[in-house]
Amino acid sequence: MFVSYRMKFMLEIIAIFGFGVVVSVIFDQIWKQHRQKEQEMAKTGLYSNIHAKRERIEKQKAEGKPVERMRKVGAKGAPTASDFKAAAKTVKKK
């Protein structure tokens, strides 16, 4: 049986709040917020990811927690030169 992504989300909401509480208006508002968050996450790019990681590292240092590190050049999962070239193509001119 095929269950759409939206239906799975609705079933999760029903499981959390119960059957009588879920009204289509409430569900549509929750769905809209969920999609908006998803779209914001999809908009992040290479430089925003690097910036976010630097912020997390600074926060971890300030709290005295173990600090995550940036990957070294050439390490598995690290951005390559071609990744930076592709990101440069999408830069917005001021």
PDB file of N, CA and C in Angstrom:
ATOM      1  N   MET A   1       0.841  -1.183   0.000  1.00  0.00           N
ATOM      2  CA  MET A   1       0.000   0.000   0.000  1.00  0.00           C
ATOM      3  C   MET A   1       0.883   1.241   0.000  1.00  0.00           C
ATOM      4  N   PHE A   2       0.612   2.148  -0.925  1.00  0.00           N
ATOM      5  CA  PHE A   2       1.374   3.383  -1.029  1.00  0.00           C
ATOM      6  C   PHE A   2       0.808   4.421  -0.071  1.00  0.00           C
ATOM      7  N   VAL A   3       1.677   4.978   0.764  1.00  0.00           N
ATOM      8  CA  VAL A   3       1.269   6.038   1.680  1.00  0.00           C
ATOM      9  C   VAL A   3       2.127   7.253   1.366  1.00  0.00           C
ATOM     10  N   SER A   4       1.487   8.356   1.047  1.00  0.00           N
ATOM     11  CA  SER A   4       2.221   9.561   0.686  1.00  0.00           C
ATOM     12  C   SER A   4       2.936  10.135   1.902  1.00  0.00           C
ATOM     13  N   TYR A   5       3.881  11.004   1.613  1.00  0.00           N
ATOM     14  CA  TYR A   5       4.638  11.669   2.664  1.00  0.00           C
ATOM     15  C   TYR A   5       3.712  12.479   3.558  1.00  0.00           C
ATOM     16  N   ARG A   6       2.737  13.150   2.943  1.00  0.00           N
ATOM     17  CA  ARG A   6       1.791  13.962   3.710  1.00  0.00           C
ATOM     18  C   ARG A   6       0.941  13.076   4.622  1.00  0.00           C
ATOM     19  N   MET A   7       0.538  11.905   4.133  1.00  0.00           N
ATOM     20  CA  MET A   7      -0.269  10.996   4.935  1.00  0.00           C
ATOM     21  C   MET A   7       0.537  10.471   6.127  1.00  0.00           C
ATOM     22  N   LYS A   8       1.813  10.156   5.911  1.00  0.00           N
ATOM     23  CA  LYS A   8       2.660   9.707   7.018  1.00  0.00           C
ATOM     24  C   LYS A   8       2.751  10.785   8.081  1.00  0.00           C
ATOM     25  N   PHE A   9       2.913  12.031   7.636  1.00  0.00           N
ATOM     26  CA  PHE A   9       2.999  13.143   8.570  1.00  0.00           C
ATOM     27  C   PHE A   9       1.699  13.272   9.358  1.00  0.00           C
ATOM     28  N   MET A  10       0.557  13.118   8.672  1.00  0.00           N
ATOM     29  CA  MET A  10      -0.738  13.216   9.330  1.00  0.00           C
ATOM     30  C   MET A  10      -0.910  12.093  10.358  1.00  0.00           C
ATOM     31  N   LEU A  11      -0.466  10.901  10.021  1.00  0.00           N
ATOM     32  CA  LEU A  11      -0.565   9.785  10.952  1.00  0.00           C
ATOM     33  C   LEU A  11       0.287  10.011  12.195  1.00  0.00           C
ATOM     34  N   GLU A  12       1.447  10.638  12.020  1.00  0.00           N
ATOM     35  CA  GLU A  12       2.282  10.976  13.171  1.00  0.00           C
ATOM     36  C   GLU A  12       1.573  11.985  14.071  1.00  0.00           C
ATOM     37  N   ILE A  13       0.929  12.968  13.468  1.00  0.00           N
ATOM     38  CA  ILE A  13       0.194  13.971  14.250  1.00  0.00           C
ATOM     39  C   ILE A  13      -0.956  13.309  15.001  1.00  0.00           C
ATOM     40  N   ILE A  14      -1.676  12.411  14.337  1.00  0.00           N
ATOM     41  CA  ILE A  14      -2.777  11.704  14.989  1.00  0.00           C
ATOM     42  C   ILE A  14      -2.256  10.880  16.158  1.00  0.00           C
ATOM     43  N   ALA A  15      -1.114  10.234  15.977  1.00  0.00           N
ATOM     44  CA  ALA A  15      -0.541   9.428  17.047  1.00  0.00           C
ATOM     45  C   ALA A  15      -0.165  10.290  18.246  1.00  0.00           C
ATOM     46  N   ILE A  16       0.265  11.516  17.989  1.00  0.00           N
ATOM     47  CA  ILE A  16       0.674  12.398  19.080  1.00  0.00           C
ATOM     48  C   ILE A  16      -0.539  13.003  19.793  1.00  0.00           C
ATOM     49  N   PHE A  17      -1.494  13.531  19.025  1.00  0.00           N
ATOM     50  CA  PHE A  17      -2.598  14.282  19.619  1.00  0.00           C
ATOM     51  C   PHE A  17      -3.878  13.487  19.796  1.00  0.00           C
ATOM     52  N   GLY A  18      -4.016  12.358  19.193  1.00  0.00           N
ATOM     53  CA  GLY A  18      -5.234  11.569  19.290  1.00  0.00           C
ATOM     54  C   GLY A  18      -6.156  11.834  18.113  1.00  0.00           C
ATOM     55  N   PHE A  19      -7.135  10.948  17.939  1.00  0.00           N
ATOM     56  CA  PHE A  19      -8.003  11.016  16.762  1.00  0.00           C
ATOM     57  C   PHE A  19      -8.936  12.221  16.776  1.00  0.00           C
ATOM     58  N   GLY A  20      -9.503  12.570  17.918  1.00  0.00           N
ATOM     59  CA  GLY A  20     -10.518  13.617  17.966  1.00  0.00           C
ATOM     60  C   GLY A  20      -9.966  15.017  17.790  1.00  0.00           C
ATOM     61  N   VAL A  21      -8.679  15.212  17.964  1.00  0.00           N
ATOM     62  CA  VAL A  21      -8.112  16.553  17.979  1.00  0.00           C
ATOM     63  C   VAL A  21      -7.749  17.056  16.581  1.00  0.00           C
ATOM     64  N   VAL A  22      -7.376  16.152  15.695  1.00  0.00           N
ATOM     65  CA  VAL A  22      -6.880  16.570  14.394  1.00  0.00           C
ATOM     66  C   VAL A  22      -8.022  17.055  13.516  1.00  0.00           C
ATOM     67  N   VAL A  23      -8.001  18.319  13.235  1.00  0.00           N
ATOM     68  CA  VAL A  23      -8.979  18.948  12.359  1.00  0.00           C
ATOM     69  C   VAL A  23      -8.204  19.404  11.124  1.00  0.00           C
ATOM     70  N   SER A  24      -8.856  19.401   9.986  1.00  0.00           N
ATOM     71  CA  SER A  24      -8.123  19.704   8.757  1.00  0.00           C
ATOM     72  C   SER A  24      -7.455  21.076   8.791  1.00  0.00           C
ATOM     73  N   VAL A  25      -8.072  22.063   9.426  1.00  0.00           N
ATOM     74  CA  VAL A  25      -7.484  23.405   9.490  1.00  0.00           C
ATOM     75  C   VAL A  25      -6.196  23.369  10.303  1.00  0.00           C
ATOM     76  N   ILE A  26      -6.229  22.699  11.427  1.00  0.00           N
ATOM     77  CA  ILE A  26      -5.038  22.582  12.274  1.00  0.00           C
ATOM     78  C   ILE A  26      -3.960  21.819  11.526  1.00  0.00           C
ATOM     79  N   PHE A  27      -4.354  20.725  10.892  1.00  0.00           N
ATOM     80  CA  PHE A  27      -3.389  19.925  10.151  1.00  0.00           C
ATOM     81  C   PHE A  27      -2.736  20.732   9.041  1.00  0.00           C
ATOM     82  N   ASP A  28      -3.533  21.521   8.306  1.00  0.00           N
ATOM     83  CA  ASP A  28      -2.980  22.319   7.215  1.00  0.00           C
ATOM     84  C   ASP A  28      -1.982  23.352   7.730  1.00  0.00           C
ATOM     85  N   GLN A  29      -2.250  23.945   8.881  1.00  0.00           N
ATOM     86  CA  GLN A  29      -1.318  24.907   9.461  1.00  0.00           C
ATOM     87  C   GLN A  29      -0.018  24.219   9.862  1.00  0.00           C
ATOM     88  N   ILE A  30      -0.141  23.067  10.493  1.00  0.00           N
ATOM     89  CA  ILE A  30       1.052  22.323  10.909  1.00  0.00           C
ATOM     90  C   ILE A  30       1.836  21.870   9.679  1.00  0.00           C
ATOM     91  N   TRP A  31       1.129  21.403   8.657  1.00  0.00           N
ATOM     92  CA  TRP A  31       1.788  20.950   7.430  1.00  0.00           C
ATOM     93  C   TRP A  31       2.533  22.105   6.763  1.00  0.00           C
ATOM     94  N   LYS A  32       1.915  23.284   6.732  1.00  0.00           N
ATOM     95  CA  LYS A  32       2.546  24.451   6.110  1.00  0.00           C
ATOM     96  C   LYS A  32       3.842  24.818   6.847  1.00  0.00           C
ATOM     97  N   GLN A  33       3.808  24.796   8.177  1.00  0.00           N
ATOM     98  CA  GLN A  33       4.999  25.094   8.958  1.00  0.00           C
ATOM     99  C   GLN A  33       6.094  24.054   8.711  1.00  0.00           C
ATOM    100  N   HIS A  34       5.690  22.802   8.636  1.00  0.00           N
ATOM    101  CA  HIS A  34       6.645  21.716   8.401  1.00  0.00           C
ATOM    102  C   HIS A  34       7.315  21.885   7.042  1.00  0.00           C
ATOM    103  N   ARG A  35       6.548  22.155   6.003  1.00  0.00           N
ATOM    104  CA  ARG A  35       7.091  22.333   4.655  1.00  0.00           C
ATOM    105  C   ARG A  35       8.004  23.554   4.588  1.00  0.00           C
ATOM    106  N   GLN A  36       7.625  24.623   5.306  1.00  0.00           N
ATOM    107  CA  GLN A  36       8.428  25.830   5.310  1.00  0.00           C
ATOM    108  C   GLN A  36       9.796  25.552   5.935  1.00  0.00           C
ATOM    109  N   LYS A  37       9.822  24.818   7.042  1.00  0.00           N
ATOM    110  CA  LYS A  37      11.092  24.453   7.670  1.00  0.00           C
ATOM    111  C   LYS A  37      11.923  23.585   6.734  1.00  0.00           C
ATOM    112  N   GLU A  38      11.259  22.660   6.058  1.00  0.00           N
ATOM    113  CA  GLU A  38      11.952  21.781   5.120  1.00  0.00           C
ATOM    114  C   GLU A  38      12.573  22.571   3.982  1.00  0.00           C
ATOM    115  N   GLN A  39      11.852  23.556   3.460  1.00  0.00           N
ATOM    116  CA  GLN A  39      12.357  24.374   2.368  1.00  0.00           C
ATOM    117  C   GLN A  39      13.527  25.237   2.824  1.00  0.00           C
ATOM    118  N   GLU A  40      13.459  25.748   4.052  1.00  0.00           N
ATOM    119  CA  GLU A  40      14.565  26.540   4.578  1.00  0.00           C
ATOM    120  C   GLU A  40      15.822  25.690   4.702  1.00  0.00           C
ATOM    121  N   MET A  41      15.640  24.449   5.129  1.00  0.00           N
ATOM    122  CA  MET A  41      16.781  23.549   5.251  1.00  0.00           C
ATOM    123  C   MET A  41      17.373  23.235   3.880  1.00  0.00           C
ATOM    124  N   ALA A  42      16.546  23.126   2.879  1.00  0.00           N
ATOM    125  CA  ALA A  42      17.018  22.797   1.540  1.00  0.00           C
ATOM    126  C   ALA A  42      17.777  23.955   0.914  1.00  0.00           C
ATOM    127  N   LYS A  43      17.557  25.168   1.366  1.00  0.00           N
ATOM    128  CA  LYS A  43      18.194  26.337   0.788  1.00  0.00           C
ATOM    129  C   LYS A  43      19.648  26.487   1.220  1.00  0.00           C
ATOM    130  N   THR A  44      20.062  25.791   2.245  1.00  0.00           N
ATOM    131  CA  THR A  44      21.420  25.951   2.721  1.00  0.00           C
ATOM    132  C   THR A  44      22.401  25.434   1.693  1.00  0.00           C
ATOM    133  N   GLY A  45      23.514  26.100   1.590  1.00  0.00           N
ATOM    134  CA  GLY A  45      24.537  25.714   0.634  1.00  0.00           C
ATOM    135  C   GLY A  45      25.853  25.482   1.331  1.00  0.00           C
ATOM    136  N   LEU A  46      26.888  25.360   0.553  1.00  0.00           N
ATOM    137  CA  LEU A  46      28.204  25.047   1.072  1.00  0.00           C
ATOM    138  C   LEU A  46      28.686  26.082   2.083  1.00  0.00           C
ATOM    139  N   TYR A  47      28.620  27.345   1.715  1.00  0.00           N
ATOM    140  CA  TYR A  47      29.143  28.382   2.604  1.00  0.00           C
ATOM    141  C   TYR A  47      28.286  28.564   3.852  1.00  0.00           C
ATOM    142  N   SER A  48      26.989  28.394   3.738  1.00  0.00           N
ATOM    143  CA  SER A  48      26.143  28.502   4.934  1.00  0.00           C
ATOM    144  C   SER A  48      26.388  27.324   5.870  1.00  0.00           C
ATOM    145  N   ASN A  49      26.677  26.153   5.300  1.00  0.00           N
ATOM    146  CA  ASN A  49      27.015  24.998   6.138  1.00  0.00           C
ATOM    147  C   ASN A  49      28.331  25.226   6.874  1.00  0.00           C
ATOM    148  N   ILE A  50      29.315  25.781   6.181  1.00  0.00           N
ATOM    149  CA  ILE A  50      30.606  26.076   6.815  1.00  0.00           C
ATOM    150  C   ILE A  50      30.421  27.107   7.923  1.00  0.00           C
ATOM    151  N   HIS A  51      29.651  28.143   7.639  1.00  0.00           N
ATOM    152  CA  HIS A  51      29.393  29.191   8.627  1.00  0.00           C
ATOM    153  C   HIS A  51      28.688  28.613   9.863  1.00  0.00           C
ATOM    154  N   ALA A  52      27.687  27.756   9.640  1.00  0.00           N
ATOM    155  CA  ALA A  52      26.948  27.156  10.755  1.00  0.00           C
ATOM    156  C   ALA A  52      27.863  26.281  11.609  1.00  0.00           C
ATOM    157  N   LYS A  53      28.753  25.540  10.952  1.00  0.00           N
ATOM    158  CA  LYS A  53      29.662  24.668  11.707  1.00  0.00           C
ATOM    159  C   LYS A  53      30.632  25.498  12.535  1.00  0.00           C
ATOM    160  N   ARG A  54      31.121  26.600  11.979  1.00  0.00           N
ATOM    161  CA  ARG A  54      32.017  27.475  12.745  1.00  0.00           C
ATOM    162  C   ARG A  54      31.309  28.040  13.968  1.00  0.00           C
ATOM    163  N   GLU A  55      30.032  28.400  13.812  1.00  0.00           N
ATOM    164  CA  GLU A  55      29.257  28.896  14.955  1.00  0.00           C
ATOM    165  C   GLU A  55      29.099  27.812  16.017  1.00  0.00           C
ATOM    166  N   ARG A  56      28.810  26.568  15.581  1.00  0.00           N
ATOM    167  CA  ARG A  56      28.675  25.462  16.533  1.00  0.00           C
ATOM    168  C   ARG A  56      29.980  25.230  17.284  1.00  0.00           C
ATOM    169  N   ILE A  57      31.100  25.310  16.583  1.00  0.00           N
ATOM    170  CA  ILE A  57      32.406  25.100  17.211  1.00  0.00           C
ATOM    171  C   ILE A  57      32.664  26.173  18.267  1.00  0.00           C
ATOM    172  N   GLU A  58      32.387  27.430  17.939  1.00  0.00           N
ATOM    173  CA  GLU A  58      32.568  28.515  18.901  1.00  0.00           C
ATOM    174  C   GLU A  58      31.678  28.317  20.129  1.00  0.00           C
ATOM    175  N   LYS A  59      30.440  27.898  19.889  1.00  0.00           N
ATOM    176  CA  LYS A  59      29.509  27.667  20.996  1.00  0.00           C
ATOM    177  C   LYS A  59      30.000  26.525  21.891  1.00  0.00           C
ATOM    178  N   GLN A  60      30.508  25.461  21.272  1.00  0.00           N
ATOM    179  CA  GLN A  60      31.014  24.327  22.040  1.00  0.00           C
ATOM    180  C   GLN A  60      32.238  24.725  22.856  1.00  0.00           C
ATOM    181  N   LYS A  61      33.105  25.550  22.283  1.00  0.00           N
ATOM    182  CA  LYS A  61      34.284  26.021  23.018  1.00  0.00           C
ATOM    183  C   LYS A  61      33.860  26.843  24.227  1.00  0.00           C
ATOM    184  N   ALA A  62      32.874  27.729  24.035  1.00  0.00           N
ATOM    185  CA  ALA A  62      32.407  28.599  25.113  1.00  0.00           C
ATOM    186  C   ALA A  62      31.777  27.793  26.251  1.00  0.00           C
ATOM    187  N   GLU A  63      31.096  26.696  25.897  1.00  0.00           N
ATOM    188  CA  GLU A  63      30.434  25.868  26.909  1.00  0.00           C
ATOM    189  C   GLU A  63      31.385  24.858  27.530  1.00  0.00           C
ATOM    190  N   GLY A  64      32.588  24.724  26.979  1.00  0.00           N
ATOM    191  CA  GLY A  64      33.556  23.778  27.514  1.00  0.00           C
ATOM    192  C   GLY A  64      33.263  22.334  27.136  1.00  0.00           C
ATOM    193  N   LYS A  65      32.471  22.138  26.109  1.00  0.00           N
ATOM    194  CA  LYS A  65      32.132  20.793  25.647  1.00  0.00           C
ATOM    195  C   LYS A  65      33.197  20.305  24.664  1.00  0.00           C
ATOM    196  N   PRO A  66      33.196  18.995  24.362  1.00  0.00           N
ATOM    197  CA  PRO A  66      34.104  18.508  23.316  1.00  0.00           C
ATOM    198  C   PRO A  66      33.777  19.200  21.993  1.00  0.00           C
ATOM    199  N   VAL A  67      34.805  19.610  21.285  1.00  0.00           N
ATOM    200  CA  VAL A  67      34.625  20.433  20.090  1.00  0.00           C
ATOM    201  C   VAL A  67      34.713  19.575  18.839  1.00  0.00           C
ATOM    202  N   GLU A  68      33.709  19.716  17.945  1.00  0.00           N
ATOM    203  CA  GLU A  68      33.803  19.050  16.648  1.00  0.00           C
ATOM    204  C   GLU A  68      34.792  19.830  15.801  1.00  0.00           C
ATOM    205  N   ARG A  69      35.355  19.182  14.795  1.00  0.00           N
ATOM    206  CA  ARG A  69      36.389  19.820  13.997  1.00  0.00           C
ATOM    207  C   ARG A  69      36.009  19.873  12.530  1.00  0.00           C
ATOM    208  N   MET A  70      36.618  20.827  11.853  1.00  0.00           N
ATOM    209  CA  MET A  70      36.447  20.911  10.404  1.00  0.00           C
ATOM    210  C   MET A  70      37.263  19.786   9.781  1.00  0.00           C
ATOM    211  N   ARG A  71      36.775  19.225   8.692  1.00  0.00           N
ATOM    212  CA  ARG A  71      37.524  18.170   8.004  1.00  0.00           C
ATOM    213  C   ARG A  71      38.728  18.758   7.284  1.00  0.00           C
ATOM    214  N   LYS A  72      39.781  17.973   7.221  1.00  0.00           N
ATOM    215  CA  LYS A  72      40.987  18.390   6.501  1.00  0.00           C
ATOM    216  C   LYS A  72      40.745  18.289   5.002  1.00  0.00           C
ATOM    217  N   VAL A  73      41.512  19.045   4.233  1.00  0.00           N
ATOM    218  CA  VAL A  73      41.416  18.993   2.773  1.00  0.00           C
ATOM    219  C   VAL A  73      41.768  17.585   2.304  1.00  0.00           C
ATOM    220  N   GLY A  74      40.915  17.024   1.482  1.00  0.00           N
ATOM    221  CA  GLY A  74      41.142  15.677   0.954  1.00  0.00           C
ATOM    222  C   GLY A  74      40.550  14.568   1.804  1.00  0.00           C
ATOM    223  N   ALA A  75      40.052  14.899   3.006  1.00  0.00           N
ATOM    224  CA  ALA A  75      39.449  13.878   3.864  1.00  0.00           C
ATOM    225  C   ALA A  75      38.090  13.477   3.299  1.00  0.00           C
ATOM    226  N   LYS A  76      37.653  12.271   3.655  1.00  0.00           N
ATOM    227  CA  LYS A  76      36.363  11.786   3.184  1.00  0.00           C
ATOM    228  C   LYS A  76      35.254  12.684   3.732  1.00  0.00           C
ATOM    229  N   GLY A  77      34.395  13.166   2.850  1.00  0.00           N
ATOM    230  CA  GLY A  77      33.286  14.027   3.249  1.00  0.00           C
ATOM    231  C   GLY A  77      33.609  15.507   3.241  1.00  0.00           C
ATOM    232  N   ALA A  78      34.873  15.862   3.076  1.00  0.00           N
ATOM    233  CA  ALA A  78      35.254  17.276   3.022  1.00  0.00           C
ATOM    234  C   ALA A  78      34.919  17.832   1.643  1.00  0.00           C
ATOM    235  N   PRO A  79      34.576  19.117   1.563  1.00  0.00           N
ATOM    236  CA  PRO A  79      34.276  19.698   0.261  1.00  0.00           C
ATOM    237  C   PRO A  79      35.523  19.714  -0.633  1.00  0.00           C
ATOM    238  N   THR A  80      35.323  19.431  -1.892  1.00  0.00           N
ATOM    239  CA  THR A  80      36.429  19.411  -2.843  1.00  0.00           C
ATOM    240  C   THR A  80      36.509  20.755  -3.564  1.00  0.00           C
ATOM    241  N   ALA A  81      37.546  20.916  -4.354  1.00  0.00           N
ATOM    242  CA  ALA A  81      37.711  22.153  -5.121  1.00  0.00           C
ATOM    243  C   ALA A  81      36.535  22.358  -6.073  1.00  0.00           C
ATOM    244  N   SER A  82      36.034  21.259  -6.638  1.00  0.00           N
ATOM    245  CA  SER A  82      34.893  21.384  -7.556  1.00  0.00           C
ATOM    246  C   SER A  82      33.625  21.821  -6.814  1.00  0.00           C
ATOM    247  N   ASP A  83      33.488  21.444  -5.546  1.00  0.00           N
ATOM    248  CA  ASP A  83      32.344  21.904  -4.743  1.00  0.00           C
ATOM    249  C   ASP A  83      32.384  23.421  -4.566  1.00  0.00           C
ATOM    250  N   PHE A  84      33.587  23.953  -4.320  1.00  0.00           N
ATOM    251  CA  PHE A  84      33.718  25.394  -4.155  1.00  0.00           C
ATOM    252  C   PHE A  84      33.475  26.122  -5.471  1.00  0.00           C
ATOM    253  N   LYS A  85      33.911  25.532  -6.588  1.00  0.00           N
ATOM    254  CA  LYS A  85      33.662  26.141  -7.897  1.00  0.00           C
ATOM    255  C   LYS A  85      32.165  26.168  -8.202  1.00  0.00           C
ATOM    256  N   ALA A  86      31.469  25.086  -7.867  1.00  0.00           N
ATOM    257  CA  ALA A  86      30.019  25.028  -8.094  1.00  0.00           C
ATOM    258  C   ALA A  86      29.294  26.042  -7.220  1.00  0.00           C
ATOM    259  N   ALA A  87      29.759  26.229  -5.981  1.00  0.00           N
ATOM    260  CA  ALA A  87      29.134  27.198  -5.083  1.00  0.00           C
ATOM    261  C   ALA A  87      29.368  28.617  -5.580  1.00  0.00           C
ATOM    262  N   ALA A  88      30.510  28.853  -6.203  1.00  0.00           N
ATOM    263  CA  ALA A  88      30.817  30.200  -6.710  1.00  0.00           C
ATOM    264  C   ALA A  88      29.888  30.576  -7.854  1.00  0.00           C
ATOM    265  N   LYS A  89      29.378  29.602  -8.571  1.00  0.00           N
ATOM    266  CA  LYS A  89      28.475  29.877  -9.689  1.00  0.00           C
ATOM    267  C   LYS A  89      27.129  30.403  -9.228  1.00  0.00           C
ATOM    268  N   THR A  90      26.738  30.068  -8.010  1.00  0.00           N
ATOM    269  CA  THR A  90      25.422  30.459  -7.508  1.00  0.00           C
ATOM    270  C   THR A  90      25.463  31.697  -6.619  1.00  0.00           C
ATOM    271  N   VAL A  91      26.624  32.336  -6.531  1.00  0.00           N
ATOM    272  CA  VAL A  91      26.774  33.507  -5.672  1.00  0.00           C
ATOM    273  C   VAL A  91      25.919  34.656  -6.189  1.00  0.00           C
ATOM    274  N   LYS A  92      25.272  35.355  -5.248  1.00  0.00           N
ATOM    275  CA  LYS A  92      24.461  36.512  -5.617  1.00  0.00           C
ATOM    276  C   LYS A  92      25.342  37.748  -5.612  1.00  0.00           C
ATOM    277  N   LYS A  93      25.310  38.501  -6.685  1.00  0.00           N
ATOM    278  CA  LYS A  93      26.118  39.712  -6.787  1.00  0.00           C
ATOM    279  C   LYS A  93      25.443  40.837  -6.018  1.00  0.00           C
ATOM    280  N   LYS A  94      26.244  41.638  -5.351  1.00  0.00           N
ATOM    281  CA  LYS A  94      25.697  42.756  -4.560  1.00  0.00           C
ATOM    282  C   LYS A  94      25.516  43.982  -5.396  1.00  0.00           C
TER     283      LYS A  94
END
